[in-house]
Amino acid sequence: MKKVLVLCTGNSCRSQLAEGFLRQFAGNQAEIYSAGIEVHGVNPKAIQVMSEAGLDISAHTSNHVDEYAAIDFDYVITVCDNAKESCPYFPARAIKFHYNFPDPAKAKGTDDEVMQEFRRVRDLIKEYSSAFVKDNFNS
């Protein structure tokens, strides 16, 4: 079974969204983990927009990348430039992917405008996650 790590700065939004969608799309083909180079806690708005999409990530935890140092990952996906630049060493076997998604936690405006940005980023990550699974796993 393949092991996938999704890495971002705080493991609060983007990596949590990706973990949820990758688990959904990969099913039993992979073990999906997410972590941050810092730990900020799971953002309640990320939980809300995933619930709107039919996925419950309320039990997810925010984890530091060091917690997974002993795991031999097949894939490491960085979902923000900061994580890519600060990404710790992983065994050469891990294939690295990168996509710099906007950080919805930095969205400004009314509550509705902020939630719209969370939904927009959620949908971008859903699309990316679906394509990632199709491209990297045999069904």
C-alpha atoms as a PDB file:
ATOM      1  CA  MET A   1       0.000   0.000   0.000  1.00  0.00           C
ATOM      2  CA  LYS A   2       1.312   3.433  -0.986  1.00  0.00           C
ATOM      3  CA  LYS A   3       1.982   6.049   1.682  1.00  0.00           C
ATOM      4  CA  VAL A   4       1.318   9.713   0.910  1.00  0.00           C
ATOM      5  CA  LEU A   5       2.265  12.739   3.003  1.00  0.00           C
ATOM      6  CA  VAL A   6       0.649  16.114   2.329  1.00  0.00           C
ATOM      7  CA  LEU A   7       2.756  18.901   3.763  1.00  0.00           C
ATOM      8  CA  CYS A   8       1.996  22.588   4.318  1.00  0.00           C
ATOM      9  CA  THR A   9       2.984  25.321   6.725  1.00  0.00           C
ATOM     10  CA  GLY A  10       0.590  24.854   9.649  1.00  0.00           C
ATOM     11  CA  ASN A  11      -1.350  21.673   8.832  1.00  0.00           C
ATOM     12  CA  SER A  12      -4.557  23.617   9.416  1.00  0.00           C
ATOM     13  CA  CYS A  13      -6.237  24.217   6.024  1.00  0.00           C
ATOM     14  CA  ARG A  14      -4.771  23.158   2.692  1.00  0.00           C
ATOM     15  CA  SER A  15      -3.109  19.939   3.804  1.00  0.00           C
ATOM     16  CA  GLN A  16      -6.223  18.987   5.783  1.00  0.00           C
ATOM     17  CA  LEU A  17      -8.435  19.513   2.732  1.00  0.00           C
ATOM     18  CA  ALA A  18      -6.049  17.465   0.595  1.00  0.00           C
ATOM     19  CA  GLU A  19      -5.846  14.679   3.170  1.00  0.00           C
ATOM     20  CA  GLY A  20      -9.633  14.409   3.201  1.00  0.00           C
ATOM     21  CA  PHE A  21     -10.002  14.313  -0.574  1.00  0.00           C
ATOM     22  CA  LEU A  22      -7.034  11.988  -1.128  1.00  0.00           C
ATOM     23  CA  ARG A  23      -8.485   9.535   1.401  1.00  0.00           C
ATOM     24  CA  GLN A  24     -11.818   9.682  -0.407  1.00  0.00           C
ATOM     25  CA  PHE A  25     -10.377   9.196  -3.894  1.00  0.00           C
ATOM     26  CA  ALA A  26      -7.620   6.679  -3.033  1.00  0.00           C
ATOM     27  CA  GLY A  27      -9.803   4.504  -0.818  1.00  0.00           C
ATOM     28  CA  ASN A  28      -7.866   1.445   0.292  1.00  0.00           C
ATOM     29  CA  GLN A  29      -5.071   2.024  -2.233  1.00  0.00           C
ATOM     30  CA  ALA A  30      -3.104   4.334   0.057  1.00  0.00           C
ATOM     31  CA  GLU A  31      -2.437   5.544   3.561  1.00  0.00           C
ATOM     32  CA  ILE A  32      -2.776   9.329   3.614  1.00  0.00           C
ATOM     33  CA  TYR A  33      -1.082  11.561   6.181  1.00  0.00           C
ATOM     34  CA  SER A  34      -0.842  15.305   6.519  1.00  0.00           C
ATOM     35  CA  ALA A  35       1.548  17.451   8.496  1.00  0.00           C
ATOM     36  CA  GLY A  36       2.970  20.912   8.803  1.00  0.00           C
ATOM     37  CA  ILE A  37       6.370  22.413   9.360  1.00  0.00           C
ATOM     38  CA  GLU A  38       4.503  24.155  12.196  1.00  0.00           C
ATOM     39  CA  VAL A  39       1.312  23.076  13.994  1.00  0.00           C
ATOM     40  CA  HIS A  40      -1.615  25.509  14.004  1.00  0.00           C
ATOM     41  CA  GLY A  41      -4.608  23.225  14.697  1.00  0.00           C
ATOM     42  CA  VAL A  42      -7.305  22.312  12.200  1.00  0.00           C
ATOM     43  CA  ASN A  43      -9.109  25.421  10.993  1.00  0.00           C
ATOM     44  CA  PRO A  44     -12.861  25.296  11.783  1.00  0.00           C
ATOM     45  CA  LYS A  45     -13.661  26.827   8.378  1.00  0.00           C
ATOM     46  CA  ALA A  46     -11.793  23.956   6.681  1.00  0.00           C
ATOM     47  CA  ILE A  47     -13.947  21.503   8.642  1.00  0.00           C
ATOM     48  CA  GLN A  48     -17.077  23.436   7.602  1.00  0.00           C
ATOM     49  CA  VAL A  49     -16.337  23.559   3.862  1.00  0.00           C
ATOM     50  CA  MET A  50     -15.411  19.883   3.812  1.00  0.00           C
ATOM     51  CA  SER A  51     -18.676  19.063   5.570  1.00  0.00           C
ATOM     52  CA  GLU A  52     -20.470  20.999   2.825  1.00  0.00           C
ATOM     53  CA  ALA A  53     -18.696  18.698   0.340  1.00  0.00           C
ATOM     54  CA  GLY A  54     -19.830  15.605   2.243  1.00  0.00           C
ATOM     55  CA  LEU A  55     -16.557  14.825   4.022  1.00  0.00           C
ATOM     56  CA  ASP A  56     -16.051  14.869   7.780  1.00  0.00           C
ATOM     57  CA  ILE A  57     -12.534  15.947   8.764  1.00  0.00           C
ATOM     58  CA  SER A  58     -13.533  17.031  12.279  1.00  0.00           C
ATOM     59  CA  ALA A  59     -11.473  14.206  13.808  1.00  0.00           C
ATOM     60  CA  HIS A  60      -8.308  15.203  11.919  1.00  0.00           C
ATOM     61  CA  THR A  61      -5.418  16.435  14.028  1.00  0.00           C
ATOM     62  CA  SER A  62      -2.738  18.972  13.231  1.00  0.00           C
ATOM     63  CA  ASN A  63       0.602  17.157  13.196  1.00  0.00           C
ATOM     64  CA  HIS A  64       4.226  18.227  12.930  1.00  0.00           C
ATOM     65  CA  VAL A  65       6.204  16.673  10.085  1.00  0.00           C
ATOM     66  CA  ASP A  66       8.763  15.299  12.565  1.00  0.00           C
ATOM     67  CA  GLU A  67       6.096  12.895  13.872  1.00  0.00           C
ATOM     68  CA  TYR A  68       6.353  10.999  10.587  1.00  0.00           C
ATOM     69  CA  ALA A  69      10.137  10.890  10.212  1.00  0.00           C
ATOM     70  CA  ALA A  70      10.217   7.078  10.499  1.00  0.00           C
ATOM     71  CA  ILE A  71       7.635   6.462   7.765  1.00  0.00           C
ATOM     72  CA  ASP A  72       8.946   5.560   4.319  1.00  0.00           C
ATOM     73  CA  PHE A  73       6.631   7.638   2.124  1.00  0.00           C
ATOM     74  CA  ASP A  74       6.080   6.884  -1.541  1.00  0.00           C
ATOM     75  CA  TYR A  75       4.843  10.420  -2.281  1.00  0.00           C
ATOM     76  CA  VAL A  76       5.261  13.780  -0.572  1.00  0.00           C
ATOM     77  CA  ILE A  77       2.979  16.561  -1.787  1.00  0.00           C
ATOM     78  CA  THR A  78       3.752  20.111  -0.692  1.00  0.00           C
ATOM     79  CA  VAL A  79       0.724  22.369  -1.051  1.00  0.00           C
ATOM     80  CA  CYS A  80       2.395  25.721  -0.418  1.00  0.00           C
ATOM     81  CA  ASP A  81       5.705  27.311  -1.375  1.00  0.00           C
ATOM     82  CA  ASN A  82       6.722  27.792   2.258  1.00  0.00           C
ATOM     83  CA  ALA A  83       6.479  24.067   2.945  1.00  0.00           C
ATOM     84  CA  LYS A  84       8.350  23.220  -0.255  1.00  0.00           C
ATOM     85  CA  GLU A  85      11.207  25.539   0.687  1.00  0.00           C
ATOM     86  CA  SER A  86      11.303  24.237   4.274  1.00  0.00           C
ATOM     87  CA  CYS A  87      10.596  20.593   3.471  1.00  0.00           C
ATOM     88  CA  PRO A  88      12.814  18.320   5.545  1.00  0.00           C
ATOM     89  CA  TYR A  89      14.784  15.543   3.968  1.00  0.00           C
ATOM     90  CA  PHE A  90      12.748  12.502   3.037  1.00  0.00           C
ATOM     91  CA  PRO A  91      14.154   9.241   1.702  1.00  0.00           C
ATOM     92  CA  ALA A  92      15.107   9.490  -1.949  1.00  0.00           C
ATOM     93  CA  ARG A  93      12.444   6.932  -2.751  1.00  0.00           C
ATOM     94  CA  ALA A  94       9.670   9.471  -2.017  1.00  0.00           C
ATOM     95  CA  ILE A  95       8.474  11.138  -5.188  1.00  0.00           C
ATOM     96  CA  LYS A  96       7.858  14.809  -4.526  1.00  0.00           C
ATOM     97  CA  PHE A  97       5.002  16.839  -5.959  1.00  0.00           C
ATOM     98  CA  HIS A  98       4.264  20.512  -5.456  1.00  0.00           C
ATOM     99  CA  TYR A  99       1.303  22.793  -6.034  1.00  0.00           C
ATOM    100  CA  ASN A 100       1.117  26.214  -4.410  1.00  0.00           C
ATOM    101  CA  PHE A 101      -2.536  26.567  -3.406  1.00  0.00           C
ATOM    102  CA  PRO A 102      -3.692  29.951  -2.058  1.00  0.00           C
ATOM    103  CA  ASP A 103      -4.012  30.071   1.739  1.00  0.00           C
ATOM    104  CA  PRO A 104      -7.707  30.555   2.524  1.00  0.00           C
ATOM    105  CA  ALA A 105      -6.860  31.429   6.129  1.00  0.00           C
ATOM    106  CA  LYS A 106      -5.362  34.678   4.814  1.00  0.00           C
ATOM    107  CA  ALA A 107      -8.561  35.678   2.996  1.00  0.00           C
ATOM    108  CA  LYS A 108      -9.875  39.145   3.808  1.00  0.00           C
ATOM    109  CA  GLY A 109     -13.369  40.560   3.596  1.00  0.00           C
ATOM    110  CA  THR A 110     -16.774  39.745   4.974  1.00  0.00           C
ATOM    111  CA  ASP A 111     -17.520  36.364   6.519  1.00  0.00           C
ATOM    112  CA  ASP A 112     -19.234  35.373   3.263  1.00  0.00           C
ATOM    113  CA  GLU A 113     -16.235  36.440   1.169  1.00  0.00           C
ATOM    114  CA  VAL A 114     -13.841  34.502   3.412  1.00  0.00           C
ATOM    115  CA  MET A 115     -16.022  31.396   3.190  1.00  0.00           C
ATOM    116  CA  GLN A 116     -16.174  31.762  -0.593  1.00  0.00           C
ATOM    117  CA  GLU A 117     -12.372  31.712  -0.673  1.00  0.00           C
ATOM    118  CA  PHE A 118     -12.318  28.565   1.492  1.00  0.00           C
ATOM    119  CA  ARG A 119     -14.767  26.934  -0.931  1.00  0.00           C
ATOM    120  CA  ARG A 120     -12.740  28.030  -3.952  1.00  0.00           C
ATOM    121  CA  VAL A 121      -9.519  26.571  -2.513  1.00  0.00           C
ATOM    122  CA  ARG A 122     -11.382  23.421  -1.419  1.00  0.00           C
ATOM    123  CA  ASP A 123     -12.570  22.912  -4.990  1.00  0.00           C
ATOM    124  CA  LEU A 124      -9.066  23.464  -6.407  1.00  0.00           C
ATOM    125  CA  ILE A 125      -7.674  20.897  -3.980  1.00  0.00           C
ATOM    126  CA  LYS A 126     -10.479  18.450  -4.774  1.00  0.00           C
ATOM    127  CA  GLU A 127      -9.637  18.680  -8.474  1.00  0.00           C
ATOM    128  CA  TYR A 128      -5.902  18.266  -7.803  1.00  0.00           C
ATOM    129  CA  SER A 129      -6.482  15.308  -5.453  1.00  0.00           C
ATOM    130  CA  SER A 130      -8.706  13.518  -7.938  1.00  0.00           C
ATOM    131  CA  ALA A 131      -6.139  13.937 -10.710  1.00  0.00           C
ATOM    132  CA  PHE A 132      -3.298  12.875  -8.406  1.00  0.00           C
ATOM    133  CA  VAL A 133      -5.019   9.608  -7.548  1.00  0.00           C
ATOM    134  CA  LYS A 134      -5.907   8.911 -11.199  1.00  0.00           C
ATOM    135  CA  ASP A 135      -2.330   9.601 -12.289  1.00  0.00           C
ATOM    136  CA  ASN A 136      -0.519   7.709  -9.512  1.00  0.00           C
ATOM    137  CA  PHE A 137      -2.671   4.766  -8.449  1.00  0.00           C
ATOM    138  CA  ASN A 138      -3.960   1.788 -10.378  1.00  0.00           C
ATOM    139  CA  SER A 139      -7.663   1.292  -9.771  1.00  0.00           C
END
